[in-house]
Amino acid sequence: MELLKKQPTMKLPSQWFTGDAWADVIYRGEEPARARANAVHFAPGARTAWHSHGLGQTLYIVEGIALIQSRGGELLEAHPGDVIWTPAGEEHWHGAAPDHFMTHIALWETDDVDWLDHVTDAEYGGARRSTRNA
């Protein structure tokens, strides 16, 4: 067993995020491991750019209200305890609602992330469906 040293919180770059977002690395496996896990903290209105993961991504909503959308899909409002799976190669974005901070645990394998265009204000502000009604 090994107690892993906690890395400093990192501010996430504006080329991949709109608004203020920070990440705490939970786990970054060394070869041959491919697992990655971060706690990502979003200020109200902050969000990722469109992106995809080579082997998919799982998000576990810890606190706040999350907005998540796949390219061409409905805008989903997710709540603490919700788990969202995005399949390999599916373009998507995620972030905080405009009036709430949000933290999620992001789980993925490898650093194979394809970063794309920023989410427009129209995309971000679209009609959404809450997981509370699912």
N, C-alpha and C. Protein backbone atom coordinates (compact mmCIF):
# COMPACT_ATOMS: atom_id res chain seq x y z
N MET A 1 0.86 -1.16 0.00
CA MET A 1 0.00 0.00 0.00
C MET A 1 0.91 1.22 0.00
N GLU A 2 0.40 2.29 -0.63
CA GLU A 2 1.17 3.53 -0.70
C GLU A 2 0.22 4.72 -0.54
N LEU A 3 0.57 5.65 0.32
CA LEU A 3 -0.17 6.89 0.44
C LEU A 3 0.37 7.83 -0.64
N LEU A 4 -0.50 8.21 -1.56
CA LEU A 4 -0.07 9.05 -2.67
C LEU A 4 -0.04 10.51 -2.25
N LYS A 5 0.97 11.23 -2.69
CA LYS A 5 1.10 12.64 -2.36
C LYS A 5 0.06 13.45 -3.14
N LYS A 6 -0.66 14.31 -2.42
CA LYS A 6 -1.67 15.15 -3.05
C LYS A 6 -0.99 16.24 -3.86
N GLN A 7 -1.44 16.38 -5.10
CA GLN A 7 -0.93 17.40 -5.99
C GLN A 7 -1.66 18.72 -5.73
N PRO A 8 -1.03 19.86 -6.01
CA PRO A 8 -1.72 21.14 -5.84
C PRO A 8 -2.92 21.26 -6.78
N THR A 9 -3.94 21.97 -6.34
CA THR A 9 -5.09 22.28 -7.20
C THR A 9 -4.59 23.07 -8.40
N MET A 10 -5.09 22.73 -9.59
CA MET A 10 -4.65 23.45 -10.79
C MET A 10 -5.82 24.17 -11.45
N LYS A 11 -5.57 25.40 -11.85
CA LYS A 11 -6.54 26.19 -12.63
C LYS A 11 -6.54 25.61 -14.03
N LEU A 12 -7.71 25.41 -14.59
CA LEU A 12 -7.80 24.79 -15.91
C LEU A 12 -7.73 25.86 -17.00
N PRO A 13 -7.13 25.52 -18.14
CA PRO A 13 -6.80 26.52 -19.16
C PRO A 13 -7.99 27.03 -19.95
N SER A 14 -7.92 28.32 -20.31
CA SER A 14 -9.01 28.97 -21.03
C SER A 14 -9.17 28.43 -22.45
N GLN A 15 -8.17 27.78 -23.00
CA GLN A 15 -8.37 27.21 -24.34
C GLN A 15 -9.31 26.01 -24.31
N TRP A 16 -9.53 25.41 -23.13
CA TRP A 16 -10.41 24.26 -22.99
C TRP A 16 -11.62 24.53 -22.13
N PHE A 17 -11.66 25.68 -21.42
CA PHE A 17 -12.74 25.98 -20.49
C PHE A 17 -13.20 27.42 -20.65
N THR A 18 -14.50 27.64 -20.53
CA THR A 18 -15.09 28.98 -20.44
C THR A 18 -15.37 29.22 -18.96
N GLY A 19 -14.94 30.34 -18.42
CA GLY A 19 -15.14 30.62 -17.00
C GLY A 19 -14.06 29.96 -16.17
N ASP A 20 -14.26 30.00 -14.86
CA ASP A 20 -13.25 29.51 -13.92
C ASP A 20 -13.53 28.08 -13.50
N ALA A 21 -12.53 27.23 -13.70
CA ALA A 21 -12.63 25.82 -13.30
C ALA A 21 -11.26 25.38 -12.79
N TRP A 22 -11.28 24.49 -11.79
CA TRP A 22 -10.07 23.98 -11.18
C TRP A 22 -10.18 22.47 -11.06
N ALA A 23 -9.03 21.81 -11.00
CA ALA A 23 -9.02 20.35 -10.85
C ALA A 23 -8.06 19.91 -9.76
N ASP A 24 -8.48 18.89 -9.05
CA ASP A 24 -7.63 18.18 -8.10
C ASP A 24 -7.45 16.77 -8.63
N VAL A 25 -6.21 16.38 -8.86
CA VAL A 25 -5.94 15.02 -9.34
C VAL A 25 -6.19 14.06 -8.18
N ILE A 26 -7.04 13.08 -8.43
CA ILE A 26 -7.28 12.01 -7.46
C ILE A 26 -6.35 10.85 -7.77
N TYR A 27 -6.28 10.48 -9.05
CA TYR A 27 -5.45 9.35 -9.45
C TYR A 27 -5.03 9.51 -10.90
N ARG A 28 -3.75 9.30 -11.12
CA ARG A 28 -3.19 9.29 -12.47
C ARG A 28 -2.26 8.09 -12.53
N GLY A 29 -2.79 6.99 -13.02
CA GLY A 29 -2.03 5.75 -13.04
C GLY A 29 -0.79 5.83 -13.90
N GLU A 30 0.24 5.16 -13.46
CA GLU A 30 1.47 5.06 -14.24
C GLU A 30 1.41 3.80 -15.08
N GLU A 31 2.05 3.82 -16.24
CA GLU A 31 2.05 2.67 -17.14
C GLU A 31 2.33 1.40 -16.35
N PRO A 32 1.62 0.32 -16.60
CA PRO A 32 0.67 0.15 -17.69
C PRO A 32 -0.75 0.62 -17.36
N ALA A 33 -0.97 1.16 -16.17
CA ALA A 33 -2.31 1.64 -15.82
C ALA A 33 -2.71 2.79 -16.75
N ARG A 34 -4.01 2.89 -17.02
CA ARG A 34 -4.52 3.96 -17.89
C ARG A 34 -5.56 4.81 -17.17
N ALA A 35 -5.92 4.44 -15.95
CA ALA A 35 -7.01 5.11 -15.24
C ALA A 35 -6.62 6.53 -14.85
N ARG A 36 -7.60 7.43 -14.93
CA ARG A 36 -7.45 8.83 -14.52
C ARG A 36 -8.70 9.20 -13.72
N ALA A 37 -8.52 10.00 -12.67
CA ALA A 37 -9.66 10.50 -11.89
C ALA A 37 -9.31 11.88 -11.36
N ASN A 38 -10.18 12.84 -11.61
CA ASN A 38 -10.02 14.21 -11.11
C ASN A 38 -11.31 14.66 -10.46
N ALA A 39 -11.18 15.46 -9.40
CA ALA A 39 -12.31 16.24 -8.88
C ALA A 39 -12.21 17.58 -9.59
N VAL A 40 -13.26 17.96 -10.30
CA VAL A 40 -13.25 19.20 -11.08
C VAL A 40 -14.30 20.13 -10.48
N HIS A 41 -13.87 21.36 -10.21
CA HIS A 41 -14.70 22.35 -9.54
C HIS A 41 -14.98 23.49 -10.52
N PHE A 42 -16.25 23.77 -10.77
CA PHE A 42 -16.67 24.80 -11.73
C PHE A 42 -17.36 25.94 -10.99
N ALA A 43 -16.97 27.17 -11.30
CA ALA A 43 -17.71 28.35 -10.82
C ALA A 43 -19.02 28.42 -11.60
N PRO A 44 -20.02 29.13 -11.08
CA PRO A 44 -21.28 29.27 -11.83
C PRO A 44 -21.01 29.74 -13.27
N GLY A 45 -21.63 29.05 -14.22
CA GLY A 45 -21.49 29.39 -15.63
C GLY A 45 -20.26 28.83 -16.31
N ALA A 46 -19.33 28.27 -15.57
CA ALA A 46 -18.11 27.70 -16.18
C ALA A 46 -18.44 26.37 -16.85
N ARG A 47 -17.71 26.08 -17.91
CA ARG A 47 -17.95 24.85 -18.65
C ARG A 47 -16.74 24.48 -19.50
N THR A 48 -16.71 23.21 -19.90
CA THR A 48 -15.66 22.75 -20.81
C THR A 48 -15.99 23.23 -22.22
N ALA A 49 -15.01 23.11 -23.09
CA ALA A 49 -15.26 23.20 -24.53
C ALA A 49 -15.81 21.84 -24.96
N TRP A 50 -16.33 21.77 -26.18
CA TRP A 50 -16.71 20.48 -26.74
C TRP A 50 -15.45 19.62 -26.76
N HIS A 51 -15.58 18.35 -26.45
CA HIS A 51 -14.44 17.45 -26.48
C HIS A 51 -14.93 16.00 -26.52
N SER A 52 -14.01 15.09 -26.77
CA SER A 52 -14.33 13.66 -26.72
C SER A 52 -13.14 12.92 -26.12
N HIS A 53 -13.41 11.73 -25.60
CA HIS A 53 -12.40 10.88 -24.99
C HIS A 53 -12.29 9.59 -25.79
N GLY A 54 -11.06 9.18 -26.04
CA GLY A 54 -10.82 7.98 -26.85
C GLY A 54 -11.44 6.73 -26.30
N LEU A 55 -11.56 6.63 -24.96
CA LEU A 55 -12.15 5.43 -24.34
C LEU A 55 -13.37 5.77 -23.49
N GLY A 56 -13.95 6.95 -23.68
CA GLY A 56 -15.14 7.33 -22.95
C GLY A 56 -14.81 8.03 -21.64
N GLN A 57 -15.85 8.51 -20.96
CA GLN A 57 -15.69 9.23 -19.70
C GLN A 57 -16.93 9.02 -18.83
N THR A 58 -16.71 8.89 -17.53
CA THR A 58 -17.78 8.83 -16.55
C THR A 58 -17.68 10.04 -15.64
N LEU A 59 -18.82 10.69 -15.39
CA LEU A 59 -18.88 11.81 -14.46
C LEU A 59 -19.79 11.44 -13.30
N TYR A 60 -19.33 11.69 -12.08
CA TYR A 60 -20.13 11.51 -10.88
C TYR A 60 -20.34 12.90 -10.29
N ILE A 61 -21.59 13.38 -10.24
CA ILE A 61 -21.87 14.71 -9.75
C ILE A 61 -21.84 14.68 -8.22
N VAL A 62 -20.96 15.50 -7.63
CA VAL A 62 -20.77 15.53 -6.19
C VAL A 62 -21.64 16.60 -5.54
N GLU A 63 -21.61 17.81 -6.09
CA GLU A 63 -22.40 18.90 -5.51
C GLU A 63 -22.76 19.91 -6.59
N GLY A 64 -23.81 20.67 -6.32
CA GLY A 64 -24.24 21.69 -7.26
C GLY A 64 -25.14 21.13 -8.35
N ILE A 65 -25.26 21.89 -9.42
CA ILE A 65 -26.06 21.48 -10.58
C ILE A 65 -25.16 21.49 -11.80
N ALA A 66 -25.11 20.36 -12.49
CA ALA A 66 -24.28 20.21 -13.68
C ALA A 66 -25.14 20.31 -14.93
N LEU A 67 -24.58 20.87 -15.97
CA LEU A 67 -25.19 20.85 -17.30
C LEU A 67 -24.28 20.02 -18.19
N ILE A 68 -24.87 19.08 -18.92
CA ILE A 68 -24.10 18.14 -19.75
C ILE A 68 -24.86 17.94 -21.05
N GLN A 69 -24.11 17.95 -22.16
CA GLN A 69 -24.75 17.77 -23.45
C GLN A 69 -23.82 17.04 -24.41
N SER A 70 -24.37 16.10 -25.17
CA SER A 70 -23.66 15.48 -26.28
C SER A 70 -24.01 16.24 -27.54
N ARG A 71 -23.10 16.29 -28.48
CA ARG A 71 -23.32 17.03 -29.73
C ARG A 71 -24.60 16.53 -30.40
N GLY A 72 -25.55 17.43 -30.63
CA GLY A 72 -26.81 17.09 -31.25
C GLY A 72 -27.84 16.53 -30.29
N GLY A 73 -27.49 16.38 -29.02
CA GLY A 73 -28.40 15.79 -28.04
C GLY A 73 -29.04 16.85 -27.16
N GLU A 74 -29.90 16.37 -26.26
CA GLU A 74 -30.57 17.29 -25.34
C GLU A 74 -29.62 17.74 -24.25
N LEU A 75 -29.89 18.92 -23.70
CA LEU A 75 -29.12 19.46 -22.60
C LEU A 75 -29.69 18.88 -21.31
N LEU A 76 -28.84 18.22 -20.55
CA LEU A 76 -29.25 17.52 -19.34
C LEU A 76 -28.80 18.30 -18.11
N GLU A 77 -29.71 18.48 -17.16
CA GLU A 77 -29.39 19.08 -15.86
C GLU A 77 -29.23 17.94 -14.87
N ALA A 78 -27.99 17.73 -14.39
CA ALA A 78 -27.71 16.61 -13.49
C ALA A 78 -27.48 17.10 -12.07
N HIS A 79 -27.74 16.23 -11.11
CA HIS A 79 -27.72 16.59 -9.69
C HIS A 79 -26.82 15.65 -8.90
N PRO A 80 -26.45 16.04 -7.65
CA PRO A 80 -25.57 15.19 -6.85
C PRO A 80 -26.06 13.74 -6.79
N GLY A 81 -25.11 12.84 -6.98
CA GLY A 81 -25.41 11.41 -7.00
C GLY A 81 -25.64 10.86 -8.39
N ASP A 82 -25.91 11.73 -9.37
CA ASP A 82 -26.10 11.27 -10.75
C ASP A 82 -24.76 10.82 -11.33
N VAL A 83 -24.81 9.77 -12.15
CA VAL A 83 -23.64 9.26 -12.86
C VAL A 83 -23.95 9.33 -14.35
N ILE A 84 -23.07 9.98 -15.08
CA ILE A 84 -23.27 10.16 -16.52
C ILE A 84 -22.11 9.48 -17.26
N TRP A 85 -22.43 8.63 -18.22
CA TRP A 85 -21.42 7.95 -19.06
C TRP A 85 -21.47 8.55 -20.46
N THR A 86 -20.30 8.92 -20.97
CA THR A 86 -20.17 9.38 -22.36
C THR A 86 -19.30 8.37 -23.09
N PRO A 87 -19.83 7.72 -24.13
CA PRO A 87 -19.07 6.69 -24.83
C PRO A 87 -17.84 7.23 -25.56
N ALA A 88 -16.95 6.33 -25.90
CA ALA A 88 -15.73 6.67 -26.63
C ALA A 88 -16.07 7.47 -27.89
N GLY A 89 -15.34 8.57 -28.09
CA GLY A 89 -15.47 9.37 -29.30
C GLY A 89 -16.68 10.28 -29.34
N GLU A 90 -17.58 10.23 -28.37
CA GLU A 90 -18.77 11.08 -28.40
C GLU A 90 -18.42 12.50 -27.97
N GLU A 91 -18.68 13.47 -28.84
CA GLU A 91 -18.41 14.87 -28.52
C GLU A 91 -19.44 15.37 -27.51
N HIS A 92 -18.94 16.03 -26.47
CA HIS A 92 -19.82 16.49 -25.38
C HIS A 92 -19.16 17.65 -24.65
N TRP A 93 -19.92 18.27 -23.76
CA TRP A 93 -19.39 19.28 -22.85
C TRP A 93 -20.10 19.13 -21.52
N HIS A 94 -19.51 19.69 -20.47
CA HIS A 94 -20.14 19.68 -19.15
C HIS A 94 -19.64 20.87 -18.35
N GLY A 95 -20.50 21.34 -17.44
CA GLY A 95 -20.13 22.48 -16.62
C GLY A 95 -21.20 22.77 -15.58
N ALA A 96 -21.07 23.93 -14.94
CA ALA A 96 -21.98 24.33 -13.88
C ALA A 96 -23.15 25.13 -14.44
N ALA A 97 -24.29 25.01 -13.77
CA ALA A 97 -25.44 25.86 -14.09
C ALA A 97 -25.05 27.32 -13.83
N PRO A 98 -25.78 28.27 -14.41
CA PRO A 98 -25.38 29.68 -14.27
C PRO A 98 -25.46 30.22 -12.84
N ASP A 99 -26.22 29.56 -11.97
CA ASP A 99 -26.42 30.10 -10.63
C ASP A 99 -25.95 29.16 -9.51
N HIS A 100 -25.09 28.20 -9.85
CA HIS A 100 -24.59 27.25 -8.85
C HIS A 100 -23.15 26.86 -9.15
N PHE A 101 -22.35 26.74 -8.10
CA PHE A 101 -21.07 26.05 -8.24
C PHE A 101 -21.37 24.58 -8.48
N MET A 102 -20.40 23.86 -9.06
CA MET A 102 -20.61 22.43 -9.29
C MET A 102 -19.26 21.72 -9.21
N THR A 103 -19.29 20.55 -8.57
CA THR A 103 -18.11 19.68 -8.53
C THR A 103 -18.52 18.31 -9.03
N HIS A 104 -17.70 17.74 -9.91
CA HIS A 104 -17.89 16.35 -10.31
C HIS A 104 -16.56 15.61 -10.25
N ILE A 105 -16.66 14.30 -10.12
CA ILE A 105 -15.50 13.43 -10.25
C ILE A 105 -15.52 12.94 -11.70
N ALA A 106 -14.44 13.19 -12.41
CA ALA A 106 -14.31 12.74 -13.80
C ALA A 106 -13.40 11.51 -13.82
N LEU A 107 -13.88 10.44 -14.44
CA LEU A 107 -13.13 9.19 -14.56
C LEU A 107 -12.95 8.87 -16.04
N TRP A 108 -11.73 8.60 -16.46
CA TRP A 108 -11.48 8.25 -17.85
C TRP A 108 -10.18 7.48 -17.92
N GLU A 109 -9.89 6.92 -19.10
CA GLU A 109 -8.65 6.19 -19.31
C GLU A 109 -7.84 6.89 -20.39
N THR A 110 -6.57 6.97 -20.19
CA THR A 110 -5.60 7.58 -21.10
C THR A 110 -5.78 9.09 -21.20
N ASP A 111 -4.81 9.72 -21.81
CA ASP A 111 -4.86 11.17 -22.02
C ASP A 111 -5.36 11.49 -23.41
N ASP A 112 -6.06 10.56 -24.03
CA ASP A 112 -6.55 10.72 -25.40
C ASP A 112 -7.84 11.55 -25.40
N VAL A 113 -7.69 12.88 -25.26
CA VAL A 113 -8.82 13.80 -25.27
C VAL A 113 -8.69 14.69 -26.49
N ASP A 114 -9.74 14.79 -27.27
CA ASP A 114 -9.76 15.65 -28.46
C ASP A 114 -10.55 16.91 -28.11
N TRP A 115 -9.86 18.04 -27.90
CA TRP A 115 -10.51 19.30 -27.56
C TRP A 115 -10.95 20.00 -28.82
N LEU A 116 -12.17 20.52 -28.81
CA LEU A 116 -12.79 21.11 -29.99
C LEU A 116 -13.17 22.56 -29.71
N ASP A 117 -14.24 23.06 -30.35
CA ASP A 117 -14.67 24.44 -30.22
C ASP A 117 -15.32 24.71 -28.87
N HIS A 118 -15.34 25.99 -28.49
CA HIS A 118 -16.01 26.39 -27.25
C HIS A 118 -17.53 26.31 -27.41
N VAL A 119 -18.19 26.02 -26.32
CA VAL A 119 -19.65 25.98 -26.27
C VAL A 119 -20.16 27.42 -26.37
N THR A 120 -21.11 27.65 -27.28
CA THR A 120 -21.65 29.00 -27.43
C THR A 120 -22.62 29.31 -26.29
N ASP A 121 -22.89 30.60 -26.10
CA ASP A 121 -23.87 30.98 -25.08
C ASP A 121 -25.25 30.43 -25.41
N ALA A 122 -25.58 30.33 -26.71
CA ALA A 122 -26.88 29.77 -27.12
C ALA A 122 -26.96 28.29 -26.76
N GLU A 123 -25.88 27.53 -27.00
CA GLU A 123 -25.86 26.11 -26.63
C GLU A 123 -25.98 25.96 -25.11
N TYR A 124 -25.21 26.75 -24.39
CA TYR A 124 -25.20 26.68 -22.93
C TYR A 124 -26.57 27.04 -22.34
N GLY A 125 -27.24 28.01 -22.93
CA GLY A 125 -28.50 28.51 -22.39
C GLY A 125 -29.73 27.84 -22.93
N GLY A 126 -29.57 26.72 -23.64
CA GLY A 126 -30.72 26.05 -24.26
C GLY A 126 -31.65 25.40 -23.24
N ALA A 127 -32.78 24.97 -23.74
CA ALA A 127 -33.77 24.27 -22.90
C ALA A 127 -33.12 22.99 -22.37
N ARG A 128 -33.39 22.68 -21.10
CA ARG A 128 -32.76 21.50 -20.51
C ARG A 128 -33.79 20.62 -19.79
N ARG A 129 -33.41 19.34 -19.66
CA ARG A 129 -34.23 18.35 -18.97
C ARG A 129 -33.49 17.93 -17.72
N SER A 130 -34.17 17.97 -16.58
CA SER A 130 -33.56 17.62 -15.31
C SER A 130 -33.61 16.11 -15.07
N THR A 131 -32.55 15.59 -14.46
CA THR A 131 -32.54 14.18 -14.07
C THR A 131 -33.54 13.93 -12.95
N ARG A 132 -34.01 14.97 -12.30
CA ARG A 132 -34.99 14.82 -11.22
C ARG A 132 -36.35 14.38 -11.78
N ASN A 133 -36.52 14.56 -13.08
CA ASN A 133 -37.78 14.16 -13.73
C ASN A 133 -37.64 12.84 -14.48
N ALA A 134 -36.46 12.22 -14.36
CA ALA A 134 -36.21 10.99 -15.14
C ALA A 134 -36.86 9.78 -14.49
